C-alpha atoms as a PDB file:
ATOM      1  CA  MET A   1      55.155 111.373 110.512  1.00  0.00           C
ATOM      2  CA  PRO A   2      54.901 111.077 114.337  1.00  0.00           C
ATOM      3  CA  ALA A   3      58.002 109.888 116.077  1.00  0.00           C
ATOM      4  CA  ALA A   4      57.882 106.318 117.276  1.00  0.00           C
ATOM      5  CA  SER A   5      57.851 105.979 121.040  1.00  0.00           C
ATOM      6  CA  THR A   6      59.784 103.479 123.068  1.00  0.00           C
ATOM      7  CA  SER A   7      56.676 101.350 123.606  1.00  0.00           C
ATOM      8  CA  ASP A   8      56.059 101.233 119.845  1.00  0.00           C
ATOM      9  CA  LEU A   9      59.542  99.947 119.189  1.00  0.00           C
ATOM     10  CA  ALA A  10      59.368  97.215 121.803  1.00  0.00           C
ATOM     11  CA  VAL A  11      58.446  93.727 120.660  1.00  0.00           C
ATOM     12  CA  SER A  12      54.933  92.856 121.722  1.00  0.00           C
ATOM     13  CA  PRO A  13      54.122  89.379 123.103  1.00  0.00           C
ATOM     14  CA  ASP A  14      51.964  88.416 120.108  1.00  0.00           C
ATOM     15  CA  ARG A  15      54.380  89.816 117.517  1.00  0.00           C
ATOM     16  CA  PRO A  16      56.935  87.350 116.169  1.00  0.00           C
ATOM     17  CA  GLU A  17      60.398  88.390 117.243  1.00  0.00           C
ATOM     18  CA  ALA A  18      62.819  89.267 114.432  1.00  0.00           C
ATOM     19  CA  ALA A  19      65.289  86.546 113.743  1.00  0.00           C
ATOM     20  CA  ALA A  20      68.703  87.298 115.167  1.00  0.00           C
ATOM     21  CA  PRO A  21      71.511  87.342 112.660  1.00  0.00           C
ATOM     22  CA  ALA A  22      73.467  84.150 112.552  1.00  0.00           C
ATOM     23  CA  PRO A  23      76.769  84.424 114.372  1.00  0.00           C
ATOM     24  CA  ALA A  24      79.805  84.688 112.162  1.00  0.00           C
ATOM     25  CA  PRO A  25      81.691  81.429 111.936  1.00  0.00           C
ATOM     26  CA  SER A  26      84.717  81.323 114.138  1.00  0.00           C
ATOM     27  CA  ALA A  27      88.229  80.533 112.960  1.00  0.00           C
ATOM     28  CA  ALA A  28      87.813  76.990 114.277  1.00  0.00           C
ATOM     29  CA  ASP A  29      84.571  76.556 112.324  1.00  0.00           C
ATOM     30  CA  ARG A  30      86.165  77.882 109.149  1.00  0.00           C
ATOM     31  CA  THR A  31      89.131  75.539 109.518  1.00  0.00           C
ATOM     32  CA  PRO A  32      88.400  72.196 107.876  1.00  0.00           C
ATOM     33  CA  LYS A  33      88.364  69.206 110.195  1.00  0.00           C
ATOM     34  CA  ARG A  34      91.332  66.884 109.997  1.00  0.00           C
ATOM     35  CA  TRP A  35      89.321  63.991 108.606  1.00  0.00           C
ATOM     36  CA  ASP A  36      87.409  66.189 106.177  1.00  0.00           C
ATOM     37  CA  THR A  37      90.386  67.160 104.058  1.00  0.00           C
ATOM     38  CA  PRO A  38      90.752  65.515 100.628  1.00  0.00           C
ATOM     39  CA  ALA A  39      94.202  64.154 101.528  1.00  0.00           C
ATOM     40  CA  TRP A  40      92.860  62.180 104.496  1.00  0.00           C
ATOM     41  CA  ARG A  41      89.896  60.938 102.497  1.00  0.00           C
ATOM     42  CA  ASP A  42      92.220  59.738  99.743  1.00  0.00           C
ATOM     43  CA  ALA A  43      94.432  58.004 102.309  1.00  0.00           C
ATOM     44  CA  VAL A  44      91.421  56.221 103.788  1.00  0.00           C
ATOM     45  CA  ILE A  45      90.335  55.119 100.291  1.00  0.00           C
ATOM     46  CA  VAL A  46      93.800  53.774  99.528  1.00  0.00           C
ATOM     47  CA  ILE A  47      93.936  51.840 102.790  1.00  0.00           C
ATOM     48  CA  ALA A  48      90.432  50.454 102.241  1.00  0.00           C
ATOM     49  CA  VAL A  49      91.227  49.345  98.686  1.00  0.00           C
ATOM     50  CA  THR A  50      94.488  47.748  99.875  1.00  0.00           C
ATOM     51  CA  VAL A  51      92.710  45.805 102.614  1.00  0.00           C
ATOM     52  CA  ALA A  52      90.004  44.715 100.159  1.00  0.00           C
ATOM     53  CA  ALA A  53      92.652  43.547  97.692  1.00  0.00           C
ATOM     54  CA  ALA A  54      94.389  41.590 100.454  1.00  0.00           C
ATOM     55  CA  VAL A  55      91.114  39.908 101.454  1.00  0.00           C
ATOM     56  CA  VAL A  56      90.313  38.998  97.856  1.00  0.00           C
ATOM     57  CA  SER A  57      93.834  37.660  97.270  1.00  0.00           C
ATOM     58  CA  ILE A  58      93.686  35.490 100.396  1.00  0.00           C
ATOM     59  CA  HIS A  59      90.204  34.236  99.648  1.00  0.00           C
ATOM     60  CA  PHE A  60      90.904  33.245  96.016  1.00  0.00           C
ATOM     61  CA  ASP A  61      94.632  32.377  96.387  1.00  0.00           C
ATOM     62  CA  LEU A  62      95.527  34.766  93.575  1.00  0.00           C
ATOM     63  CA  SER A  63      99.274  34.150  93.864  1.00  0.00           C
ATOM     64  CA  GLU A  64      98.887  30.384  93.412  1.00  0.00           C
ATOM     65  CA  ARG A  65      96.422  30.842  90.596  1.00  0.00           C
ATOM     66  CA  LEU A  66      98.729  33.355  88.899  1.00  0.00           C
ATOM     67  CA  GLN A  67     101.625  30.899  89.228  1.00  0.00           C
ATOM     68  CA  ARG A  68      99.616  28.099  87.614  1.00  0.00           C
ATOM     69  CA  TRP A  69      98.375  30.362  84.834  1.00  0.00           C
ATOM     70  CA  THR A  70     101.857  31.619  83.982  1.00  0.00           C
ATOM     71  CA  ALA A  71     103.568  28.173  84.229  1.00  0.00           C
ATOM     72  CA  PRO A  72     103.172  27.410  80.474  1.00  0.00           C
ATOM     73  CA  TRP A  73     104.960  30.698  79.670  1.00  0.00           C
ATOM     74  CA  GLU A  74     107.861  30.248  82.038  1.00  0.00           C
ATOM     75  CA  ARG A  75     110.277  31.148  79.292  1.00  0.00           C
ATOM     76  CA  MET A  76     108.722  34.645  79.183  1.00  0.00           C
ATOM     77  CA  GLN A  77     109.352  35.076  82.953  1.00  0.00           C
ATOM     78  CA  LEU A  78     105.817  36.205  83.624  1.00  0.00           C
ATOM     79  CA  ASP A  79     106.133  35.012  87.198  1.00  0.00           C
ATOM     80  CA  GLU A  80     108.472  37.963  87.823  1.00  0.00           C
ATOM     81  CA  LEU A  81     105.740  40.435  86.913  1.00  0.00           C
ATOM     82  CA  PRO A  82     104.507  40.993  90.518  1.00  0.00           C
ATOM     83  CA  SER A  83     107.961  42.028  91.720  1.00  0.00           C
ATOM     84  CA  VAL A  84     108.353  44.345  88.730  1.00  0.00           C
ATOM     85  CA  LEU A  85     104.976  45.900  89.440  1.00  0.00           C
ATOM     86  CA  TRP A  86     105.943  46.255  93.096  1.00  0.00           C
ATOM     87  CA  VAL A  87     109.091  48.171  92.185  1.00  0.00           C
ATOM     88  CA  LEU A  88     107.067  50.279  89.753  1.00  0.00           C
ATOM     89  CA  SER A  89     104.542  51.123  92.467  1.00  0.00           C
ATOM     90  CA  LEU A  90     107.340  52.138  94.843  1.00  0.00           C
ATOM     91  CA  GLY A  91     108.856  54.296  92.104  1.00  0.00           C
ATOM     92  CA  LEU A  92     105.536  55.960  91.395  1.00  0.00           C
ATOM     93  CA  ALA A  93     105.036  56.611  95.125  1.00  0.00           C
ATOM     94  CA  TRP A  94     108.516  58.178  95.328  1.00  0.00           C
ATOM     95  CA  PHE A  95     107.795  60.232  92.209  1.00  0.00           C
ATOM     96  CA  ALA A  96     104.457  61.437  93.634  1.00  0.00           C
ATOM     97  CA  ALA A  97     106.107  62.320  96.973  1.00  0.00           C
ATOM     98  CA  ARG A  98     108.759  64.422  95.230  1.00  0.00           C
ATOM     99  CA  ARG A  99     106.188  66.174  93.086  1.00  0.00           C
ATOM    100  CA  TYR A 100     104.101  66.823  96.204  1.00  0.00           C
ATOM    101  CA  ARG A 101     107.047  68.413  98.017  1.00  0.00           C
ATOM    102  CA  GLU A 102     107.934  70.528  94.994  1.00  0.00           C
ATOM    103  CA  ALA A 103     104.316  71.651  94.682  1.00  0.00           C
ATOM    104  CA  GLY A 104     104.375  72.615  98.361  1.00  0.00           C
ATOM    105  CA  ARG A 105     107.551  74.644  97.890  1.00  0.00           C
ATOM    106  CA  ASP A 106     106.104  76.358  94.825  1.00  0.00           C
ATOM    107  CA  LEU A 107     102.954  77.164  96.758  1.00  0.00           C
ATOM    108  CA  ARG A 108     104.953  78.662  99.638  1.00  0.00           C
ATOM    109  CA  ARG A 109     107.032  80.739  97.246  1.00  0.00           C
ATOM    110  CA  ARG A 110     103.878  81.930  95.539  1.00  0.00           C
ATOM    111  CA  ARG A 111     102.301  82.923  98.841  1.00  0.00           C
ATOM    112  CA  ALA A 112     105.481  84.772  99.845  1.00  0.00           C
ATOM    113  CA  ALA A 113     105.515  86.586  96.485  1.00  0.00           C
ATOM    114  CA  GLU A 114     101.843  87.500  96.896  1.00  0.00           C
ATOM    115  CA  ALA A 115     102.550  88.812 100.398  1.00  0.00           C
ATOM    116  CA  ARG A 116     105.445  90.938  99.093  1.00  0.00           C
ATOM    117  CA  LEU A 117     103.257  92.191  96.254  1.00  0.00           C
ATOM    118  CA  ALA A 118     100.461  93.101  98.661  1.00  0.00           C
ATOM    119  CA  SER A 119     102.950  94.935 100.875  1.00  0.00           C
ATOM    120  CA  ALA A 120     104.375  96.798  97.875  1.00  0.00           C
ATOM    121  CA  LEU A 121     100.898  97.779  96.703  1.00  0.00           C
ATOM    122  CA  ALA A 122     100.032  99.037 100.185  1.00  0.00           C
ATOM    123  CA  ASP A 123     103.259 101.053 100.302  1.00  0.00           C
ATOM    124  CA  ASN A 124     102.586 102.503  96.853  1.00  0.00           C
ATOM    125  CA  ARG A 125      99.061 103.428  97.901  1.00  0.00           C
ATOM    126  CA  ARG A 126     100.355 105.163 101.019  1.00  0.00           C
ATOM    127  CA  LEU A 127     103.086 106.817  98.989  1.00  0.00           C
ATOM    128  CA  SER A 128     100.584 108.166  96.457  1.00  0.00           C
ATOM    129  CA  GLN A 129      98.343 109.518  99.206  1.00  0.00           C
ATOM    130  CA  GLN A 130     101.317 111.078 100.958  1.00  0.00           C
ATOM    131  CA  TYR A 131     102.549 112.687  97.757  1.00  0.00           C
ATOM    132  CA  VAL A 132      99.124 114.203  97.091  1.00  0.00           C
ATOM    133  CA  ARG A 133      98.949 115.515 100.646  1.00  0.00           C
ATOM    134  CA  LEU A 134     102.478 116.944 100.506  1.00  0.00           C
ATOM    135  CA  GLN A 135     101.773 118.543  97.153  1.00  0.00           C
ATOM    136  CA  GLU A 136      98.731 120.298  98.536  1.00  0.00           C
ATOM    137  CA  GLU A 137     100.666 121.376 101.637  1.00  0.00           C
ATOM    138  CA  GLU A 138     103.484 122.740  99.473  1.00  0.00           C
ATOM    139  CA  ARG A 139     101.011 124.664  97.337  1.00  0.00           C
ATOM    140  CA  LYS A 140      99.318 126.026 100.417  1.00  0.00           C
ATOM    141  CA  GLY A 141     102.625 127.016 101.990  1.00  0.00           C
ATOM    142  CA  LEU A 142     103.846 128.619  98.768  1.00  0.00           C
ATOM    143  CA  ALA A 143     100.643 130.629  98.387  1.00  0.00           C
ATOM    144  CA  GLN A 144     100.815 131.766 102.014  1.00  0.00           C
ATOM    145  CA  GLU A 145     104.485 132.705 101.640  1.00  0.00           C
ATOM    146  CA  LEU A 146     103.784 134.725  98.505  1.00  0.00           C
ATOM    147  CA  HIS A 147     100.859 136.479 100.165  1.00  0.00           C
ATOM    148  CA  ASP A 148     102.494 137.222 103.526  1.00  0.00           C
ATOM    149  CA  GLU A 149     105.965 138.140 102.310  1.00  0.00           C
ATOM    150  CA  LEU A 150     105.805 139.357  98.736  1.00  0.00           C
ATOM    151  CA  GLY A 151     102.327 140.819  98.792  1.00  0.00           C
ATOM    152  CA  GLN A 152     102.849 142.995 101.859  1.00  0.00           C
ATOM    153  CA  TYR A 153     106.313 144.182 100.898  1.00  0.00           C
ATOM    154  CA  LEU A 154     105.219 145.001  97.359  1.00  0.00           C
ATOM    155  CA  ASN A 155     102.361 147.048  98.795  1.00  0.00           C
ATOM    156  CA  VAL A 156     104.795 148.999 101.030  1.00  0.00           C
ATOM    157  CA  ILE A 157     107.118 149.584  98.055  1.00  0.00           C
ATOM    158  CA  LYS A 158     104.187 150.848  96.013  1.00  0.00           C
ATOM    159  CA  LEU A 159     103.144 153.309  98.751  1.00  0.00           C
ATOM    160  CA  ASP A 160     106.702 154.635  99.033  1.00  0.00           C
ATOM    161  CA  ALA A 161     107.021 154.957  95.260  1.00  0.00           C
ATOM    162  CA  VAL A 162     103.679 156.759  95.005  1.00  0.00           C
ATOM    163  CA  GLY A 163     104.764 159.165  97.732  1.00  0.00           C
ATOM    164  CA  ILE A 164     107.967 159.958  95.877  1.00  0.00           C
ATOM    165  CA  ARG A 165     106.124 160.303  92.557  1.00  0.00           C
ATOM    166  CA  ASP A 166     103.519 162.683  93.903  1.00  0.00           C
ATOM    167  CA  GLU A 167     106.172 164.780  95.697  1.00  0.00           C
ATOM    168  CA  ARG A 168     104.404 164.441  99.023  1.00  0.00           C
ATOM    169  CA  LEU A 169     107.694 164.236 100.883  1.00  0.00           C
ATOM    170  CA  ALA A 170     109.293 167.469 102.062  1.00  0.00           C
ATOM    171  CA  GLY A 171     113.030 167.625 101.680  1.00  0.00           C
ATOM    172  CA  ALA A 172     115.719 165.454 100.219  1.00  0.00           C
ATOM    173  CA  ALA A 173     116.246 163.626 103.546  1.00  0.00           C
ATOM    174  CA  ALA A 174     112.695 162.266 103.492  1.00  0.00           C
ATOM    175  CA  VAL A 175     113.117 161.131  99.881  1.00  0.00           C
ATOM    176  CA  ARG A 176     116.383 159.386 100.737  1.00  0.00           C
ATOM    177  CA  GLU A 177     114.764 157.691 103.727  1.00  0.00           C
ATOM    178  CA  ARG A 178     111.841 156.455 101.635  1.00  0.00           C
ATOM    179  CA  SER A 179     114.183 155.330  98.852  1.00  0.00           C
ATOM    180  CA  GLY A 180     116.301 153.407 101.377  1.00  0.00           C
ATOM    181  CA  ALA A 181     113.167 151.672 102.641  1.00  0.00           C
ATOM    182  CA  ILE A 182     112.354 150.629  99.074  1.00  0.00           C
ATOM    183  CA  VAL A 183     115.851 149.185  98.642  1.00  0.00           C
ATOM    184  CA  GLU A 184     115.587 147.246 101.928  1.00  0.00           C
ATOM    185  CA  ASN A 185     112.197 145.861 100.970  1.00  0.00           C
ATOM    186  CA  CYS A 186     113.523 144.815  97.564  1.00  0.00           C
ATOM    187  CA  ASN A 187     116.438 143.012  99.243  1.00  0.00           C
ATOM    188  CA  HIS A 188     114.008 141.201 101.521  1.00  0.00           C
ATOM    189  CA  ILE A 189     111.897 140.130  98.547  1.00  0.00           C
ATOM    190  CA  HIS A 190     115.035 138.862  96.813  1.00  0.00           C
ATOM    191  CA  GLU A 191     115.942 136.753  99.866  1.00  0.00           C
ATOM    192  CA  VAL A 192     112.437 135.306 100.042  1.00  0.00           C
ATOM    193  CA  LEU A 193     112.490 134.426  96.351  1.00  0.00           C
ATOM    194  CA  ALA A 194     115.910 132.788  96.710  1.00  0.00           C
ATOM    195  CA  GLY A 195     114.596 130.669  99.572  1.00  0.00           C
ATOM    196  CA  LEU A 196     111.558 129.612  97.566  1.00  0.00           C
ATOM    197  CA  ILE A 197     113.753 128.698  94.609  1.00  0.00           C
ATOM    198  CA  ARG A 198     116.004 126.594  96.842  1.00  0.00           C
ATOM    199  CA  GLU A 199     112.975 124.701  98.104  1.00  0.00           C
ATOM    200  CA  LEU A 200     111.687 124.062  94.584  1.00  0.00           C
ATOM    201  CA  ARG A 201     114.992 123.242  92.865  1.00  0.00           C
ATOM    202  CA  PRO A 202     118.492 122.382  94.170  1.00  0.00           C
ATOM    203  CA  VAL A 203     120.771 125.383  94.017  1.00  0.00           C
ATOM    204  CA  GLY A 204     123.432 125.116  91.337  1.00  0.00           C
ATOM    205  CA  LEU A 205     122.367 121.729  90.007  1.00  0.00           C
ATOM    206  CA  ASP A 206     121.790 123.040  86.497  1.00  0.00           C
ATOM    207  CA  GLU A 207     124.611 125.594  86.363  1.00  0.00           C
ATOM    208  CA  LEU A 208     127.382 124.044  88.499  1.00  0.00           C
ATOM    209  CA  GLY A 209     126.580 120.335  88.359  1.00  0.00           C
ATOM    210  CA  LEU A 210     125.795 117.584  90.838  1.00  0.00           C
ATOM    211  CA  ALA A 211     129.040 117.707  92.847  1.00  0.00           C
ATOM    212  CA  ALA A 212     128.712 121.428  93.608  1.00  0.00           C
ATOM    213  CA  ALA A 213     125.013 121.094  94.436  1.00  0.00           C
ATOM    214  CA  VAL A 214     125.669 118.219  96.865  1.00  0.00           C
ATOM    215  CA  GLU A 215     128.545 120.142  98.462  1.00  0.00           C
ATOM    216  CA  HIS A 216     126.287 123.180  98.920  1.00  0.00           C
ATOM    217  CA  CYS A 217     123.590 120.956 100.434  1.00  0.00           C
ATOM    218  CA  ILE A 218     126.087 119.427 102.874  1.00  0.00           C
ATOM    219  CA  ASP A 219     127.382 122.890 103.835  1.00  0.00           C
ATOM    220  CA  THR A 220     123.805 123.849 104.655  1.00  0.00           C
ATOM    221  CA  TRP A 221     123.350 120.727 106.787  1.00  0.00           C
ATOM    222  CA  ARG A 222     126.610 121.313 108.656  1.00  0.00           C
ATOM    223  CA  SER A 223     125.045 124.379 110.242  1.00  0.00           C
ATOM    224  CA  ARG A 224     122.004 122.300 111.218  1.00  0.00           C
ATOM    225  CA  LEU A 225     124.158 119.483 112.641  1.00  0.00           C
ATOM    226  CA  PRO A 226     126.712 121.344 114.769  1.00  0.00           C
ATOM    227  CA  ARG A 227     127.587 118.232 116.805  1.00  0.00           C
ATOM    228  CA  ALA A 228     128.110 115.978 113.809  1.00  0.00           C
ATOM    229  CA  GLU A 229     131.045 115.835 111.423  1.00  0.00           C
ATOM    230  CA  VAL A 230     129.739 115.518 107.851  1.00  0.00           C
ATOM    231  CA  ARG A 231     132.235 114.346 105.232  1.00  0.00           C
ATOM    232  CA  LEU A 232     131.813 114.231 101.456  1.00  0.00           C
ATOM    233  CA  SER A 233     133.784 112.069  99.035  1.00  0.00           C
ATOM    234  CA  VAL A 234     133.228 112.256  95.267  1.00  0.00           C
ATOM    235  CA  SER A 235     135.044 110.184  92.665  1.00  0.00           C
ATOM    236  CA  GLY A 236     134.438 110.005  88.941  1.00  0.00           C
ATOM    237  CA  GLN A 237     132.963 112.458  86.465  1.00  0.00           C
ATOM    238  CA  LEU A 238     129.504 113.659  87.502  1.00  0.00           C
ATOM    239  CA  ALA A 239     129.097 116.668  85.225  1.00  0.00           C
ATOM    240  CA  ASP A 240     127.569 114.798  82.275  1.00  0.00           C
ATOM    241  CA  LEU A 241     124.989 112.755  84.174  1.00  0.00           C
ATOM    242  CA  PRO A 242     121.404 112.760  82.893  1.00  0.00           C
ATOM    243  CA  GLU A 243     119.148 115.186  84.701  1.00  0.00           C
ATOM    244  CA  THR A 244     116.964 112.475  86.229  1.00  0.00           C
ATOM    245  CA  VAL A 245     119.986 110.602  87.608  1.00  0.00           C
ATOM    246  CA  ALA A 246     121.590 113.744  89.011  1.00  0.00           C
ATOM    247  CA  LEU A 247     118.356 114.848  90.656  1.00  0.00           C
ATOM    248  CA  THR A 248     117.789 111.373  92.131  1.00  0.00           C
ATOM    249  CA  VAL A 249     121.305 111.290  93.601  1.00  0.00           C
ATOM    250  CA  PHE A 250     120.820 114.743  95.098  1.00  0.00           C
ATOM    251  CA  ARG A 251     117.473 113.794  96.628  1.00  0.00           C
ATOM    252  CA  LEU A 252     118.966 110.609  98.074  1.00  0.00           C
ATOM    253  CA  VAL A 253     121.685 112.572  99.834  1.00  0.00           C
ATOM    254  CA  GLN A 254     119.187 115.196 100.969  1.00  0.00           C
ATOM    255  CA  GLU A 255     116.750 112.654 102.396  1.00  0.00           C
ATOM    256  CA  ALA A 256     119.515 110.677 104.105  1.00  0.00           C
ATOM    257  CA  LEU A 257     120.849 113.825 105.773  1.00  0.00           C
ATOM    258  CA  THR A 258     117.321 114.730 106.834  1.00  0.00           C
ATOM    259  CA  ASN A 259     116.928 111.330 108.505  1.00  0.00           C
ATOM    260  CA  ALA A 260     120.315 111.709 110.185  1.00  0.00           C
ATOM    261  CA  ALA A 261     119.321 115.103 111.565  1.00  0.00           C
ATOM    262  CA  LYS A 262     115.907 113.961 112.792  1.00  0.00           C
ATOM    263  CA  HIS A 263     116.513 110.456 114.111  1.00  0.00           C
ATOM    264  CA  ALA A 264     120.173 109.425 114.165  1.00  0.00           C
ATOM    265  CA  SER A 265     121.847 111.614 116.853  1.00  0.00           C
ATOM    266  CA  ALA A 266     125.060 110.806 115.008  1.00  0.00           C
ATOM    267  CA  GLN A 267     128.560 112.139 115.610  1.00  0.00           C
ATOM    268  CA  HIS A 268     129.906 111.276 112.158  1.00  0.00           C
ATOM    269  CA  VAL A 269     128.093 111.232 108.820  1.00  0.00           C
ATOM    270  CA  THR A 270     129.855 110.125 105.634  1.00  0.00           C
ATOM    271  CA  VAL A 271     128.528 110.775 102.122  1.00  0.00           C
ATOM    272  CA  ARG A 272     130.241 109.029  99.228  1.00  0.00           C
ATOM    273  CA  ILE A 273     129.387 109.267  95.510  1.00  0.00           C
ATOM    274  CA  ASP A 274     131.329 107.063  93.090  1.00  0.00           C
ATOM    275  CA  ARG A 275     131.089 106.648  89.344  1.00  0.00           C
ATOM    276  CA  SER A 276     132.769 103.659  87.712  1.00  0.00           C
ATOM    277  CA  ARG A 277     132.826 102.191  84.215  1.00  0.00           C
ATOM    278  CA  LEU A 278     131.076  98.845  83.746  1.00  0.00           C
ATOM    279  CA  GLY A 279     131.319  98.504  79.973  1.00  0.00           C
ATOM    280  CA  ALA A 280     131.679 100.355  76.716  1.00  0.00           C
ATOM    281  CA  THR A 281     128.332 102.134  77.139  1.00  0.00           C
ATOM    282  CA  MET A 282     127.478 101.503  80.777  1.00  0.00           C
ATOM    283  CA  ASP A 283     128.463 103.343  83.952  1.00  0.00           C
ATOM    284  CA  ASP A 284     127.572 102.700  87.544  1.00  0.00           C
ATOM    285  CA  ILE A 285     126.709 105.372  90.126  1.00  0.00           C
ATOM    286  CA  ARG A 286     127.003 104.311  93.757  1.00  0.00           C
ATOM    287  CA  VAL A 287     125.739 106.506  96.576  1.00  0.00           C
ATOM    288  CA  THR A 288     126.561 105.628 100.167  1.00  0.00           C
ATOM    289  CA  VAL A 289     125.435 107.581 103.229  1.00  0.00           C
ATOM    290  CA  ALA A 290     126.481 106.185 106.606  1.00  0.00           C
ATOM    291  CA  ASP A 291     126.279 107.473 110.170  1.00  0.00           C
ATOM    292  CA  ASP A 292     127.144 106.184 113.633  1.00  0.00           C
ATOM    293  CA  GLY A 293     123.814 107.116 115.206  1.00  0.00           C
ATOM    294  CA  VAL A 294     121.278 105.126 117.162  1.00  0.00           C
ATOM    295  CA  GLY A 295     120.118 103.080 114.155  1.00  0.00           C
ATOM    296  CA  ALA A 296     116.772 101.339 113.944  1.00  0.00           C
ATOM    297  CA  ALA A 297     115.176  97.986 113.217  1.00  0.00           C
ATOM    298  CA  VAL A 298     114.703  97.543 109.468  1.00  0.00           C
ATOM    299  CA  ALA A 299     111.453  95.603 109.931  1.00  0.00           C
ATOM    300  CA  ALA A 300     109.993  98.126 112.382  1.00  0.00           C
ATOM    301  CA  PRO A 301     106.865  99.862 111.020  1.00  0.00           C
ATOM    302  CA  THR A 302     107.152 103.553 110.307  1.00  0.00           C
ATOM    303  CA  ARG A 303     104.701 106.218 109.305  1.00  0.00           C
ATOM    304  CA  GLY A 304     107.266 108.110 107.294  1.00  0.00           C
ATOM    305  CA  LEU A 305     107.623 107.482 103.592  1.00  0.00           C
ATOM    306  CA  GLY A 306     111.101 108.858 102.987  1.00  0.00           C
ATOM    307  CA  LEU A 307     112.689 105.432 102.556  1.00  0.00           C
ATOM    308  CA  ILE A 308     109.829 104.242 100.355  1.00  0.00           C
ATOM    309  CA  GLY A 309     110.128 107.347  98.206  1.00  0.00           C
ATOM    310  CA  MET A 310     113.890 106.861  97.805  1.00  0.00           C
ATOM    311  CA  ARG A 311     113.378 103.228  96.863  1.00  0.00           C
ATOM    312  CA  GLU A 312     110.795 104.191  94.251  1.00  0.00           C
ATOM    313  CA  ARG A 313     113.097 106.854  92.777  1.00  0.00           C
ATOM    314  CA  VAL A 314     115.971 104.392  92.438  1.00  0.00           C
ATOM    315  CA  ALA A 315     113.749 101.595  91.096  1.00  0.00           C
ATOM    316  CA  ALA A 316     112.397 103.948  88.418  1.00  0.00           C
ATOM    317  CA  LEU A 317     115.981 104.209  87.103  1.00  0.00           C
ATOM    318  CA  GLU A 318     116.445 100.406  87.222  1.00  0.00           C
ATOM    319  CA  GLY A 319     118.703 100.714  90.245  1.00  0.00           C
ATOM    320  CA  ASP A 320     118.930  99.032  93.635  1.00  0.00           C
ATOM    321  CA  LEU A 321     118.720 100.472  97.125  1.00  0.00           C
ATOM    322  CA  GLU A 322     119.836  98.684 100.279  1.00  0.00           C
ATOM    323  CA  VAL A 323     119.567  99.731 103.909  1.00  0.00           C
ATOM    324  CA  ALA A 324     121.727  98.266 106.650  1.00  0.00           C
ATOM    325  CA  THR A 325     120.800  99.277 110.183  1.00  0.00           C
ATOM    326  CA  SER A 326     120.058  97.884 113.605  1.00  0.00           C
ATOM    327  CA  PRO A 327     119.479  99.451 117.033  1.00  0.00           C
ATOM    328  CA  GLY A 328     122.712 100.997 118.263  1.00  0.00           C
ATOM    329  CA  GLU A 329     124.641 100.162 115.076  1.00  0.00           C
ATOM    330  CA  GLY A 330     124.039 103.294 113.007  1.00  0.00           C
ATOM    331  CA  PHE A 331     122.448 103.639 109.595  1.00  0.00           C
ATOM    332  CA  ARG A 332     123.907 102.860 106.183  1.00  0.00           C
ATOM    333  CA  LEU A 333     122.161 103.581 102.882  1.00  0.00           C
ATOM    334  CA  MET A 334     123.607 102.183  99.661  1.00  0.00           C
ATOM    335  CA  ALA A 335     122.147 102.925  96.223  1.00  0.00           C
ATOM    336  CA  ARG A 336     123.341 101.755  92.824  1.00  0.00           C
ATOM    337  CA  ILE A 337     122.055 103.453  89.671  1.00  0.00           C
ATOM    338  CA  PRO A 338     123.082 102.368  86.151  1.00  0.00           C
ATOM    339  CA  VAL A 339     123.852 105.050  83.576  1.00  0.00           C
ATOM    340  CA  ARG A 340     123.638 104.103  79.908  1.00  0.00           C
ATOM    341  CA  GLY A 341     124.783 105.825  76.758  1.00  0.00           C
ATOM    342  CA  THR A 342     127.652 107.803  78.258  1.00  0.00           C
END
């Protein structure tokens, strides 16, 4: 098909020009006019009916006629009926006004709940996307680490072992040198594996318990925060916590320390873990991490999802998470997690 030239695409004088799309209605056009709303129309109808009733009453002298008609039944006090109906109408107007205000409050609460729900859904959507991305990055990093570190060192160990097996080395000194290289390479592989295990699972959480794992984590962060004093306080028995609760508490402390290292510029960081008895079969775990850093505005938008992830972890265990911070006032994270059946 030949390409259409510029002259072919131009609108000829005798060709009807294509209709331009209608402009999108503006916000003012979409907003209903003041007198077009049902409330104003109803008010106009009420006023018109009231004026018509007044005209009819004046023209036919309805009050005088009603008085003459009800005179034979004076003992039944029918002449008091207008005042009773007047009070009833005022009561109905008051009742309608109260119901109208309550309906308005309910509508505002519903809109606020819908806005919170929409915000939560957006956060969950971002959190899911971030988790998928982080999972793929972790897999990619793990595969690269295994290839670059383990693969190469295992290949060197294999070459040294083959050389020793085939007796290609002359003299005991060469064998000892090659054997020493194998030992060094094995030690390096062991260190790499230990680092990978620490990234995948908290060290000592299964064997030593939550308190020891948190203490080891804080010792690691002390070297990364040389200008900050990090304190740990633990009260209550933490050894028999369920695995999900223990892991959530550890991740809360880990994420809070990560935020302190990245954003807080704090001089003092305090980590407190308390376990208290609430009932015969109910305990309460409270985690508090506070620093005296620069703080931040709670309502300020952020691209990070650490706080959202922590909130989701705690909510999954039917707990609560609160954040108290403001610019220049430091950061304080408080989490409460119930523990049942202990």
